[in-house]
Protein backbone atom coordinates (compact mmCIF):
# COMPACT_ATOMS: atom_id res chain seq x y z
CA UNK A 1 -24.17 28.61 56.28
CA UNK A 2 -24.73 24.99 55.04
CA UNK A 3 -23.23 24.52 51.86
CA UNK A 4 -19.46 25.48 52.53
CA UNK A 5 -18.89 21.80 54.36
CA UNK A 6 -19.39 20.06 50.43
CA UNK A 7 -16.75 22.95 49.31
CA UNK A 8 -14.36 22.14 51.99
CA UNK A 9 -14.54 18.39 51.10
CA UNK A 10 -14.66 18.86 47.13
CA UNK A 11 -11.81 20.93 47.71
CA UNK A 12 -9.73 18.10 49.55
CA UNK A 13 -10.83 15.72 46.90
CA UNK A 14 -9.60 18.28 43.98
CA UNK A 15 -6.43 19.07 45.62
CA UNK A 16 -3.69 17.62 43.19
CA UNK A 17 -6.10 16.13 41.01
CA UNK A 18 -5.40 18.94 38.04
CA UNK A 19 -2.59 20.53 37.25
CA UNK A 20 -2.83 24.04 35.03
CA UNK A 21 0.25 24.62 32.68
CA UNK A 22 2.61 26.98 33.89
CA UNK A 23 1.20 30.14 32.75
CA UNK A 24 -0.97 33.02 33.94
CA UNK A 25 0.77 32.92 37.23
CA UNK A 26 -0.55 35.87 38.81
CA UNK A 27 -4.25 35.13 38.02
CA UNK A 28 -3.68 31.57 39.08
CA UNK A 29 -2.08 33.16 42.37
CA UNK A 30 -5.32 35.78 43.06
CA UNK A 31 -7.85 32.59 42.85
CA UNK A 32 -5.97 30.14 44.83
CA UNK A 33 -5.11 32.99 47.36
CA UNK A 34 -8.88 34.11 47.39
CA UNK A 35 -10.60 30.30 47.18
CA UNK A 36 -8.01 29.11 50.13
CA UNK A 37 -8.77 32.46 52.25
CA UNK A 38 -12.30 31.87 51.66
CA UNK A 39 -12.50 27.96 52.50
CA UNK A 40 -10.28 29.13 55.76
CA UNK A 41 -13.10 31.55 57.10
CA UNK A 42 -15.94 28.73 56.01
CA UNK A 43 -14.02 26.22 58.08
CA UNK A 44 -13.81 27.94 61.55
CA UNK A 45 -17.79 28.22 61.42
CA UNK A 46 -17.89 24.88 60.59
CA UNK A 47 -15.71 24.06 63.81
CA UNK A 48 -17.89 26.35 65.59
CA UNK A 49 -20.56 24.28 65.06
CA UNK A 50 -18.90 21.38 66.96
CA UNK A 51 -17.97 23.84 70.04
CA UNK A 52 -21.99 24.26 70.36
CA UNK A 53 -22.43 20.89 70.14
CA UNK A 54 -19.99 20.13 72.92
CA UNK A 55 -21.41 23.01 75.27
CA UNK A 56 -24.56 20.69 74.80
CA UNK A 57 -23.64 17.47 75.41
CA UNK A 58 -21.62 18.89 78.60
CA UNK A 59 -24.66 20.39 80.15
CA UNK A 60 -27.51 18.12 78.46
CA UNK A 61 -29.10 17.18 81.88
CA UNK A 62 -28.69 20.56 83.46
CA UNK A 63 -32.22 21.78 82.67
CA UNK A 64 -32.91 25.00 84.14
CA UNK A 65 -35.18 24.84 86.96
CA UNK A 66 -36.72 27.49 88.99
CA UNK A 67 -35.99 28.53 92.53
CA UNK A 68 -39.27 27.47 93.45
CA UNK A 69 -42.83 27.23 92.46
CA UNK A 70 -45.73 30.17 93.01
CA UNK A 71 -48.59 29.14 95.14
CA UNK A 72 -51.85 29.38 93.35
CA UNK A 73 -52.76 32.53 94.87
CA UNK A 74 -49.44 34.05 93.85
CA UNK A 75 -49.83 33.47 90.60
CA UNK A 76 -49.12 36.83 88.72
CA UNK A 77 -50.91 38.87 86.25
CA UNK A 78 -49.66 37.86 82.61
CA UNK A 79 -50.24 40.04 79.87
CA UNK A 80 -50.59 37.81 76.36
CA UNK A 81 -49.74 39.69 73.24
CA UNK A 82 -50.57 38.39 69.66
CA UNK A 83 -48.93 40.75 67.11
CA UNK A 84 -51.10 40.12 63.83
CA UNK A 85 -50.77 41.17 60.21
CA UNK A 86 -53.12 40.48 57.43
CA UNK A 87 -53.50 36.62 58.99
CA UNK A 88 -56.93 35.82 58.35
CA UNK A 89 -56.30 32.03 58.04
CA UNK A 90 -54.72 31.34 61.71
CA UNK A 91 -55.69 34.36 63.71
CA UNK A 92 -58.79 32.85 65.67
CA UNK A 93 -56.92 29.62 65.95
CA UNK A 94 -54.20 31.43 68.21
CA UNK A 95 -57.08 33.51 69.94
CA UNK A 96 -58.78 30.12 70.83
CA UNK A 97 -55.42 28.44 71.82
CA UNK A 98 -54.27 31.59 74.37
CA UNK A 99 -57.53 31.49 76.11
CA UNK A 100 -57.86 28.06 76.43
CA UNK A 101 -54.60 27.96 78.45
CA UNK A 102 -54.70 26.81 81.99
CA UNK A 103 -54.24 29.63 84.05
CA UNK A 104 -56.29 31.66 86.59
CA UNK A 105 -58.70 33.73 84.06
CA UNK A 106 -58.87 36.68 86.51
CA UNK A 107 -54.49 37.12 85.96
CA UNK A 108 -54.71 36.53 82.05
CA UNK A 109 -55.00 39.68 80.06
CA UNK A 110 -55.17 39.16 76.25
CA UNK A 111 -54.06 41.96 73.55
CA UNK A 112 -54.89 41.01 69.80
CA UNK A 113 -52.47 43.54 68.06
CA UNK A 114 -53.70 43.51 65.03
CA UNK A 115 -52.43 46.06 62.40
CA UNK A 116 -54.02 44.06 59.15
CA UNK A 117 -55.37 46.11 56.45
CA UNK A 118 -57.90 43.18 55.39
CA UNK A 119 -60.90 41.21 56.99
CA UNK A 120 -58.44 39.96 59.48
CA UNK A 121 -59.31 42.62 61.79
CA UNK A 122 -63.07 41.63 61.50
CA UNK A 123 -62.15 37.95 62.54
CA UNK A 124 -60.05 39.10 65.39
CA UNK A 125 -62.92 41.42 66.89
CA UNK A 126 -65.11 38.75 66.22
CA UNK A 127 -63.16 36.33 68.04
CA UNK A 128 -62.29 38.21 70.91
CA UNK A 129 -66.03 39.30 71.29
CA UNK A 130 -66.90 35.35 71.89
CA UNK A 131 -64.20 35.36 74.57
CA UNK A 132 -65.35 38.55 75.81
CA UNK A 133 -68.29 37.34 76.67
CA UNK A 134 -67.00 34.11 78.52
CA UNK A 135 -65.48 36.60 81.12
CA UNK A 136 -61.86 36.86 79.30
CA UNK A 137 -60.15 40.18 79.49
CA UNK A 138 -59.66 40.24 75.98
CA UNK A 139 -59.41 43.47 73.37
CA UNK A 140 -57.86 44.01 69.91
CA UNK A 141 -55.71 46.86 69.49
CA UNK A 142 -55.92 48.02 65.75
CA UNK A 143 -53.26 50.66 64.29
CA UNK A 144 -53.48 52.15 61.01
CA UNK A 145 -50.33 53.88 61.86
CA UNK A 146 -47.82 50.90 61.82
CA UNK A 147 -44.90 52.73 62.80
CA UNK A 148 -42.26 50.39 64.03
CA UNK A 149 -44.20 47.50 62.69
CA UNK A 150 -44.11 44.53 64.70
CA UNK A 151 -41.57 46.27 67.28
CA UNK A 152 -44.10 49.25 67.33
CA UNK A 153 -47.19 47.18 67.96
CA UNK A 154 -45.57 45.60 70.90
CA UNK A 155 -44.55 48.73 72.70
CA UNK A 156 -48.00 50.04 71.73
CA UNK A 157 -49.71 47.54 73.47
CA UNK A 158 -47.37 47.63 76.43
CA UNK A 159 -48.95 51.07 77.24
CA UNK A 160 -52.25 49.51 78.44
CA UNK A 161 -50.42 46.25 79.53
CA UNK A 162 -51.63 45.30 83.21
CA UNK A 163 -49.29 42.22 83.33
CA UNK A 164 -46.31 42.23 85.23
CA UNK A 165 -45.05 39.42 82.80
CA UNK A 166 -45.74 39.48 78.93
CA UNK A 167 -46.04 36.43 77.08
CA UNK A 168 -45.75 36.77 73.38
CA UNK A 169 -47.04 34.08 70.35
CA UNK A 170 -46.96 34.87 66.18
CA UNK A 171 -50.16 34.43 65.03
CA UNK A 172 -49.18 30.74 63.39
CA UNK A 173 -48.42 29.37 66.91
CA UNK A 174 -50.73 26.89 68.70
CA UNK A 175 -49.73 27.26 72.58
CA UNK A 176 -50.31 23.70 74.64
CA UNK A 177 -52.32 24.43 77.55
CA UNK A 178 -49.76 24.26 80.16
CA UNK A 179 -47.59 26.92 78.35
CA UNK A 180 -47.77 29.63 81.21
CA UNK A 181 -47.56 27.17 84.40
CA UNK A 182 -44.19 25.82 82.73
CA UNK A 183 -42.77 29.31 81.96
CA UNK A 184 -44.07 31.41 85.08
CA UNK A 185 -42.10 29.78 87.81
CA UNK A 186 -38.64 30.63 86.33
CA UNK A 187 -39.28 34.38 87.49
CA UNK A 188 -39.39 32.97 91.30
CA UNK A 189 -35.39 33.83 90.42
CA UNK A 190 -35.37 38.02 90.30
CA UNK A 191 -32.61 38.18 88.00
CA UNK A 192 -34.83 35.99 85.05
CA UNK A 193 -35.89 38.73 82.76
CA UNK A 194 -37.28 36.13 79.78
CA UNK A 195 -38.09 32.67 78.92
CA UNK A 196 -37.91 31.01 75.87
CA UNK A 197 -39.78 27.84 74.50
CA UNK A 198 -38.60 25.63 71.52
CA UNK A 199 -40.60 26.06 68.47
CA UNK A 200 -42.06 22.86 67.09
CA UNK A 201 -43.88 22.41 63.66
CA UNK A 202 -47.49 21.56 62.66
CA UNK A 203 -46.72 20.89 59.26
CA UNK A 204 -43.28 19.54 58.91
CA UNK A 205 -44.25 16.38 56.75
CA UNK A 206 -46.19 18.66 54.34
CA UNK A 207 -43.47 18.49 51.96
CA UNK A 208 -39.78 18.32 51.15
CA UNK A 209 -39.24 21.64 51.70
CA UNK A 210 -40.86 22.13 54.77
CA UNK A 211 -39.02 18.83 56.23
CA UNK A 212 -35.80 20.66 55.69
CA UNK A 213 -37.03 23.94 57.15
CA UNK A 214 -37.77 21.75 60.48
CA UNK A 215 -34.31 20.14 60.16
CA UNK A 216 -33.01 23.45 59.86
CA UNK A 217 -34.73 24.96 62.86
CA UNK A 218 -34.36 21.99 64.97
CA UNK A 219 -30.80 22.37 65.01
CA UNK A 220 -31.00 25.92 66.15
CA UNK A 221 -33.64 25.50 69.03
CA UNK A 222 -32.38 22.11 70.07
CA UNK A 223 -28.44 22.91 70.17
CA UNK A 224 -28.02 26.56 69.78
CA UNK A 225 -30.11 27.98 71.96
CA UNK A 226 -29.52 24.82 74.77
CA UNK A 227 -25.84 25.35 74.44
CA UNK A 228 -25.27 28.84 74.46
CA UNK A 229 -27.85 29.50 77.72
CA UNK A 230 -26.34 26.71 79.69
CA UNK A 231 -22.83 27.51 79.05
CA UNK A 232 -23.40 31.01 80.41
CA UNK A 233 -23.32 32.91 76.68
CA UNK A 234 -25.94 35.11 75.50
CA UNK A 235 -28.66 33.79 73.35
CA UNK A 236 -31.79 35.50 71.77
CA UNK A 237 -35.09 36.00 72.34
CA UNK A 238 -36.76 34.40 69.32
CA UNK A 239 -39.75 36.61 69.19
CA UNK A 240 -42.73 34.00 69.93
CA UNK A 241 -43.51 31.47 72.11
CA UNK A 242 -42.28 33.34 75.39
CA UNK A 243 -42.25 35.53 77.85
CA UNK A 244 -40.65 38.40 79.34
CA UNK A 245 -40.61 40.35 82.81
CA UNK A 246 -42.05 43.77 81.86
CA UNK A 247 -39.35 45.62 84.28
CA UNK A 248 -36.77 43.61 82.32
CA UNK A 249 -38.28 45.21 79.12
CA UNK A 250 -38.39 48.77 80.40
CA UNK A 251 -34.74 48.25 81.59
CA UNK A 252 -33.34 47.32 78.46
CA UNK A 253 -34.89 50.11 76.72
CA UNK A 254 -37.90 48.74 75.21
CA UNK A 255 -38.75 47.40 72.01
CA UNK A 256 -36.73 49.06 69.33
CA UNK A 257 -37.22 48.83 65.30
CA UNK A 258 -33.64 49.65 64.50
CA UNK A 259 -33.40 46.43 63.19
CA UNK A 260 -35.69 43.63 61.44
CA UNK A 261 -34.84 41.39 64.50
CA UNK A 262 -36.66 42.71 67.37
CA UNK A 263 -36.30 40.33 69.58
CA UNK A 264 -32.33 39.51 69.29
CA UNK A 265 -31.88 43.65 69.79
CA UNK A 266 -33.78 43.36 73.15
CA UNK A 267 -32.59 40.30 74.41
CA UNK A 268 -29.06 41.33 74.44
CA UNK A 269 -29.79 44.41 75.68
CA UNK A 270 -31.17 43.26 78.17
CA UNK A 271 -28.25 40.33 79.10
CA UNK A 272 -25.98 43.25 78.58
CA UNK A 273 -27.62 44.82 81.63
CA UNK A 274 -27.22 42.15 83.81
CA UNK A 275 -30.91 40.13 83.03
CA UNK A 276 -30.55 36.37 82.40
CA UNK A 277 -32.67 34.62 79.55
CA UNK A 278 -34.15 30.85 80.40
CA UNK A 279 -34.65 28.45 77.51
CA UNK A 280 -36.56 25.35 77.92
CA UNK A 281 -35.98 23.11 75.27
CA UNK A 282 -38.11 20.08 76.16
CA UNK A 283 -41.02 22.86 76.05
CA UNK A 284 -42.11 22.59 72.34
CA UNK A 285 -45.03 24.84 70.56
CA UNK A 286 -46.11 24.12 67.45
CA UNK A 287 -46.35 26.80 64.24
CA UNK A 288 -46.68 26.86 60.71
CA UNK A 289 -43.55 26.51 58.36
CA UNK A 290 -43.73 28.09 55.04
CA UNK A 291 -44.69 25.83 52.53
CA UNK A 292 -43.60 27.86 49.89
CA UNK A 293 -40.00 28.60 48.55
CA UNK A 294 -40.88 32.39 48.19
CA UNK A 295 -42.06 32.67 51.57
CA UNK A 296 -39.75 30.69 53.16
CA UNK A 297 -36.88 33.10 51.54
CA UNK A 298 -38.70 36.13 52.29
CA UNK A 299 -38.49 34.74 55.98
CA UNK A 300 -34.81 34.19 55.61
CA UNK A 301 -34.37 37.03 54.44
CA UNK A 302 -35.67 39.40 56.44
CA UNK A 303 -33.77 37.07 59.54
CA UNK A 304 -30.22 37.61 57.84
CA UNK A 305 -30.47 41.52 57.20
CA UNK A 306 -31.54 41.91 60.57
CA UNK A 307 -29.01 40.15 62.08
CA UNK A 308 -26.05 41.98 60.26
CA UNK A 309 -28.09 45.06 61.49
CA UNK A 310 -27.78 43.77 65.00
CA UNK A 311 -24.28 43.13 64.10
CA UNK A 312 -23.80 46.83 63.74
CA UNK A 313 -25.26 48.19 66.20
CA UNK A 314 -24.27 46.43 69.07
CA UNK A 315 -20.79 44.20 68.47
CA UNK A 316 -18.77 47.27 69.32
CA UNK A 317 -20.54 48.28 72.48
CA UNK A 318 -20.44 44.26 73.35
CA UNK A 319 -16.40 43.98 72.95
CA UNK A 320 -16.32 47.49 74.90
CA UNK A 321 -18.17 46.27 77.61
CA UNK A 322 -17.41 44.01 80.87
CA UNK A 323 -18.83 41.13 79.57
CA UNK A 324 -16.43 37.83 79.87
CA UNK A 325 -14.36 37.23 76.71
CA UNK A 326 -16.07 33.97 76.12
CA UNK A 327 -19.64 35.89 75.77
CA UNK A 328 -18.07 38.39 73.16
CA UNK A 329 -16.08 36.13 71.03
CA UNK A 330 -19.50 33.96 70.98
CA UNK A 331 -21.80 37.01 70.33
CA UNK A 332 -19.27 37.57 67.37
CA UNK A 333 -19.81 34.30 66.01
CA UNK A 334 -23.78 34.57 66.32
CA UNK A 335 -24.00 38.13 64.85
CA UNK A 336 -21.52 37.61 61.89
CA UNK A 337 -22.56 34.34 61.08
CA UNK A 338 -24.81 35.21 57.97
CA UNK A 339 -21.59 36.86 56.51
CA UNK A 340 -20.78 33.16 55.18
CA UNK A 341 -23.25 33.49 52.43
CA UNK A 342 -21.39 36.29 50.96
CA UNK A 343 -18.30 33.57 51.21
CA UNK A 344 -20.85 31.22 49.52
CA UNK A 345 -21.16 33.38 46.69
CA UNK A 346 -17.52 33.93 46.20
CA UNK A 347 -16.82 29.99 46.44
CA UNK A 348 -19.66 29.67 43.80
CA UNK A 349 -17.71 32.14 41.30
CA UNK A 350 -14.40 30.96 42.30
CA UNK A 351 -15.27 26.85 41.89
CA UNK A 352 -14.47 26.86 38.25
CA UNK A 353 -11.06 28.23 38.11
CA UNK A 354 -10.17 27.03 41.05
CA UNK A 355 -10.33 23.44 39.88
CA UNK A 356 -8.64 24.47 36.43
CA UNK A 357 -5.72 26.41 38.58
CA UNK A 358 -5.74 23.99 40.96
CA UNK A 359 -1.76 22.71 41.99
CA UNK A 360 -0.28 20.51 44.37
CA UNK A 361 0.32 22.76 47.42
CA UNK A 362 0.67 19.91 49.60
CA UNK A 363 1.76 16.52 49.51
CA UNK A 364 2.36 12.97 51.58
CA UNK A 365 1.04 13.27 55.12
CA UNK A 366 0.54 17.00 55.12
CA UNK A 367 -1.67 16.93 52.74
CA UNK A 368 -3.72 13.90 54.21
CA UNK A 369 -3.85 15.61 57.60
CA UNK A 370 -4.94 18.80 55.76
CA UNK A 371 -7.72 16.98 54.14
CA UNK A 372 -9.07 15.57 57.07
CA UNK A 373 -9.16 18.49 59.13
CA UNK A 374 -11.28 20.44 56.74
CA UNK A 375 -13.58 17.38 56.07
CA UNK A 376 -14.26 16.93 59.67
CA UNK A 377 -14.27 21.22 60.57
CA UNK A 378 -16.52 21.38 57.63
CA UNK A 379 -18.44 18.84 56.05
CA UNK A 380 -19.00 16.42 59.04
CA UNK A 381 -19.60 19.14 61.36
CA UNK A 382 -22.86 20.00 59.32
CA UNK A 383 -23.88 16.42 59.02
CA UNK A 384 -23.26 15.74 62.71
CA UNK A 385 -24.70 19.12 63.99
CA UNK A 386 -28.54 18.51 62.56
CA UNK A 387 -28.26 14.87 63.03
CA UNK A 388 -27.30 15.55 66.90
CA UNK A 389 -30.23 17.72 67.24
CA UNK A 390 -32.62 15.13 65.95
CA UNK A 391 -31.43 12.57 67.86
CA UNK A 392 -32.44 14.46 70.84
CA UNK A 393 -36.00 15.05 69.98
CA UNK A 394 -37.05 11.88 67.58
CA UNK A 395 -36.54 8.40 68.47
CA UNK A 396 -36.66 7.75 64.91
CA UNK A 397 -34.22 10.34 63.83
CA UNK A 398 -32.11 7.94 62.12
CA UNK A 399 -34.66 7.87 59.27
CA UNK A 400 -34.02 11.69 58.72
CA UNK A 401 -30.54 11.41 57.73
CA UNK A 402 -31.17 10.99 54.35
CA UNK A 403 -32.19 14.48 54.28
CA UNK A 404 -29.38 15.83 55.61
CA UNK A 405 -27.10 16.26 51.94
CA UNK A 406 -30.78 18.00 50.73
CA UNK A 407 -30.58 20.34 53.33
CA UNK A 408 -27.04 21.61 52.66
CA UNK A 409 -28.35 21.49 48.88
CA UNK A 410 -30.83 24.06 49.79
CA UNK A 411 -28.76 25.94 52.24
CA UNK A 412 -26.11 26.25 49.30
CA UNK A 413 -29.23 27.44 46.81
CA UNK A 414 -30.00 29.93 49.50
CA UNK A 415 -26.93 31.88 49.01
CA UNK A 416 -27.63 34.54 46.68
CA UNK A 417 -31.09 35.64 48.47
CA UNK A 418 -29.09 35.73 52.26
CA UNK A 419 -26.27 37.40 50.46
CA UNK A 420 -28.64 40.13 48.76
CA UNK A 421 -30.28 40.68 52.56
CA UNK A 422 -26.62 40.94 54.21
CA UNK A 423 -25.71 43.44 51.17
CA UNK A 424 -28.65 45.51 52.17
CA UNK A 425 -27.89 45.42 55.55
CA UNK A 426 -24.27 46.50 55.50
CA UNK A 427 -25.40 49.48 52.92
CA UNK A 428 -27.81 50.28 55.55
CA UNK A 429 -30.80 49.99 53.17
CA UNK A 430 -33.84 50.39 54.98
CA UNK A 431 -36.87 47.89 54.49
CA UNK A 432 -39.97 47.09 56.19
CA UNK A 433 -40.59 44.17 58.17
CA UNK A 434 -42.16 42.01 55.45
CA UNK A 435 -44.19 39.08 57.15
CA UNK A 436 -44.40 35.52 55.91
CA UNK A 437 -47.44 34.04 54.70
CA UNK A 438 -49.56 31.73 56.56
CA UNK A 439 -51.95 29.19 55.24
CA UNK A 440 -53.56 27.23 57.77
CA UNK A 441 -51.60 23.90 56.61
CA UNK A 442 -52.87 21.19 58.61
CA UNK A 443 -50.67 18.44 60.56
CA UNK A 444 -51.39 15.67 58.30
CA UNK A 445 -52.30 17.82 55.35
CA UNK A 446 -49.59 16.88 51.95
CA UNK A 447 -49.45 18.56 48.90
CA UNK A 448 -50.08 22.22 47.60
CA UNK A 449 -53.95 22.80 48.70
CA UNK A 450 -52.46 26.29 50.23
CA UNK A 451 -51.72 27.68 46.72
CA UNK A 452 -55.84 28.50 46.08
CA UNK A 453 -55.18 30.94 49.18
CA UNK A 454 -55.07 34.34 49.51
CA UNK A 455 -51.44 35.66 50.63
CA UNK A 456 -48.70 35.03 48.09
CA UNK A 457 -44.58 36.31 48.73
CA UNK A 458 -43.05 38.99 46.72
CA UNK A 459 -41.65 38.08 43.10
CA UNK A 460 -38.06 39.10 42.67
CA UNK A 461 -35.46 38.13 39.69
CA UNK A 462 -32.88 36.16 41.81
CA UNK A 463 -34.69 32.61 40.54
CA UNK A 464 -33.20 33.60 36.97
CA UNK A 465 -29.67 33.79 38.82
CA UNK A 466 -29.95 30.61 40.95
CA UNK A 467 -30.90 28.54 37.69
CA UNK A 468 -28.01 30.16 36.02
CA UNK A 469 -25.78 28.88 38.50
CA UNK A 470 -27.75 25.63 38.45
CA UNK A 471 -26.39 25.37 34.76
CA UNK A 472 -23.20 26.27 35.90
CA UNK A 473 -22.58 24.04 38.03
CA UNK A 474 -23.90 21.26 36.14
CA UNK A 475 -20.83 22.10 33.75
CA UNK A 476 -18.38 22.35 36.90
CA UNK A 477 -19.70 18.70 37.40
CA UNK A 478 -19.13 17.69 34.24
CA UNK A 479 -15.52 19.07 33.82
CA UNK A 480 -15.00 16.93 37.36
CA UNK A 481 -15.85 13.87 35.55
CA UNK A 482 -14.09 14.80 32.20
CA UNK A 483 -11.11 15.04 34.33
CA UNK A 484 -12.02 11.63 35.98
CA UNK A 485 -12.48 13.20 39.44
CA UNK A 486 -15.46 10.50 40.34
CA UNK A 487 -15.59 11.45 44.05
CA UNK A 488 -16.14 14.88 43.16
CA UNK A 489 -19.10 14.70 40.98
CA UNK A 490 -22.07 14.02 43.77
CA UNK A 491 -20.60 17.11 45.54
CA UNK A 492 -20.52 19.21 43.06
CA UNK A 493 -23.71 17.74 41.59
CA UNK A 494 -24.74 19.14 44.54
CA UNK A 495 -24.15 22.22 43.86
CA UNK A 496 -25.85 22.15 40.83
CA UNK A 497 -29.29 20.69 42.37
CA UNK A 498 -29.32 23.31 45.40
CA UNK A 499 -29.58 26.28 43.17
CA UNK A 500 -31.94 24.51 41.01
CA UNK A 501 -34.21 23.68 43.72
CA UNK A 502 -34.48 27.01 45.17
CA UNK A 503 -34.62 28.43 41.82
CA UNK A 504 -37.36 26.43 40.43
CA UNK A 505 -39.62 26.13 43.46
CA UNK A 506 -39.25 30.39 43.65
CA UNK A 507 -39.96 30.63 39.67
CA UNK A 508 -42.94 28.16 39.08
CA UNK A 509 -45.35 30.01 41.32
CA UNK A 510 -44.78 33.18 39.22
CA UNK A 511 -45.43 30.96 35.99
CA UNK A 512 -48.29 29.53 37.13
CA UNK A 513 -51.54 31.34 36.45
CA UNK A 514 -53.30 31.88 39.50
CA UNK A 515 -56.60 34.10 40.49
CA UNK A 516 -55.41 35.08 44.02
CA UNK A 517 -54.03 38.38 43.77
CA UNK A 518 -49.94 37.94 43.04
CA UNK A 519 -47.27 39.84 45.65
CA UNK A 520 -49.92 40.43 48.19
CA UNK A 521 -47.90 40.76 51.33
CA UNK A 522 -47.43 42.34 54.74
CA UNK A 523 -44.91 44.40 56.24
CA UNK A 524 -45.08 42.70 59.88
CA UNK A 525 -44.24 39.05 60.58
CA UNK A 526 -46.39 36.65 62.41
């Protein structure tokens, strides 16, 4: 997803540089054909980034506006749902933020859907009691049977929800006071079924890993959501920091736990029913980024697996529907994007033999044109995509350019983690909704003070494989240097760095002795 640009660019640099002896013809052909096919598919996804940027740029100033604004006495009843599971550090904060929103108290209902198995439940109950004493309609709904995980909790809450509109936040989000007032007026259009705000980041500057995560998410929430929504294509609700029309939820079939991305599932079903979504890129809601690699990998694994599950359920119905071709094509790119991680693994395995068997396929001006097209289609697309996203939201965006290659490197290093998720989904392997541990890392907090806190992500053997491939690419980099391919060395070296960075940050906590219980994870995300 991130790293294909470097592979494509290095392919251009290496083309014709190494000529193998004229033996092993069949093996050479198989390697080079597989390598070429892999690069071509990754190139297509790279070019697709330019398409999204074009959609965004063409409609940059076409922000959605409500048909009209409700009068104060017209404001509808809103039910706020907070899906919680073992969130002892952040649950009180989100309850306070929600109850502090600027909205008529008599038209606000708060449901804390707390499936926790630890002291989070008592923290939720005490916080709810304080706000109830202040006159708020707030209750804690605690399930002991957590069927359906987050989707099940949301569906259970709807049974007693009195709001015509449903607002939802994960436990680590901190909604601003004007959140509801900025969203609710868009429902003056009866066709609007859901409204989504942009995610912002409380602890972006905590460490290198949080800075890289912020860059990645900003590309998604600034360019992808905006480009898709404003160009008339499907975009997905993001599970939190948004609102739903209750009638839309019911009409689309309600919450389902058939995938790990219940938010994408419902929003796609709603749009297929004719409902419209509104995306507010200028409404930012801060949330906590996972400060540790294992937490990040757990989150990304869930999202990748959920997307492939959604692909299996929804891609054929979308193509059979009467939706415009532009919608069908974009849904295909969106739902299949995580398959590229399998190609990244294949590319990693093929890199050394392809380098060894590289022959001069093209020459002269055609080789130059081909190499430039690959470079622009993939490598530059990644750099420009994330840089362009930062330019929209940060006046000092240019200072973040230095992190772009590292973002690609981390994406490369995530290939095995994400490929595992994709394979599990393709095989139909069921797994619980594993939440991402949250530690209430402050906006100005740096370092690893959070390590002494209770929750931790599950352990795995993947770090050993990632570290092995770091050594493998160190060898490939040395081989390229030995061949005199100096321009390729830094790009191949980034593969070594990416696998090493992801692998070491995943393994180091497992080696570190801690008094906190290891592997204490939940099965419902916040």
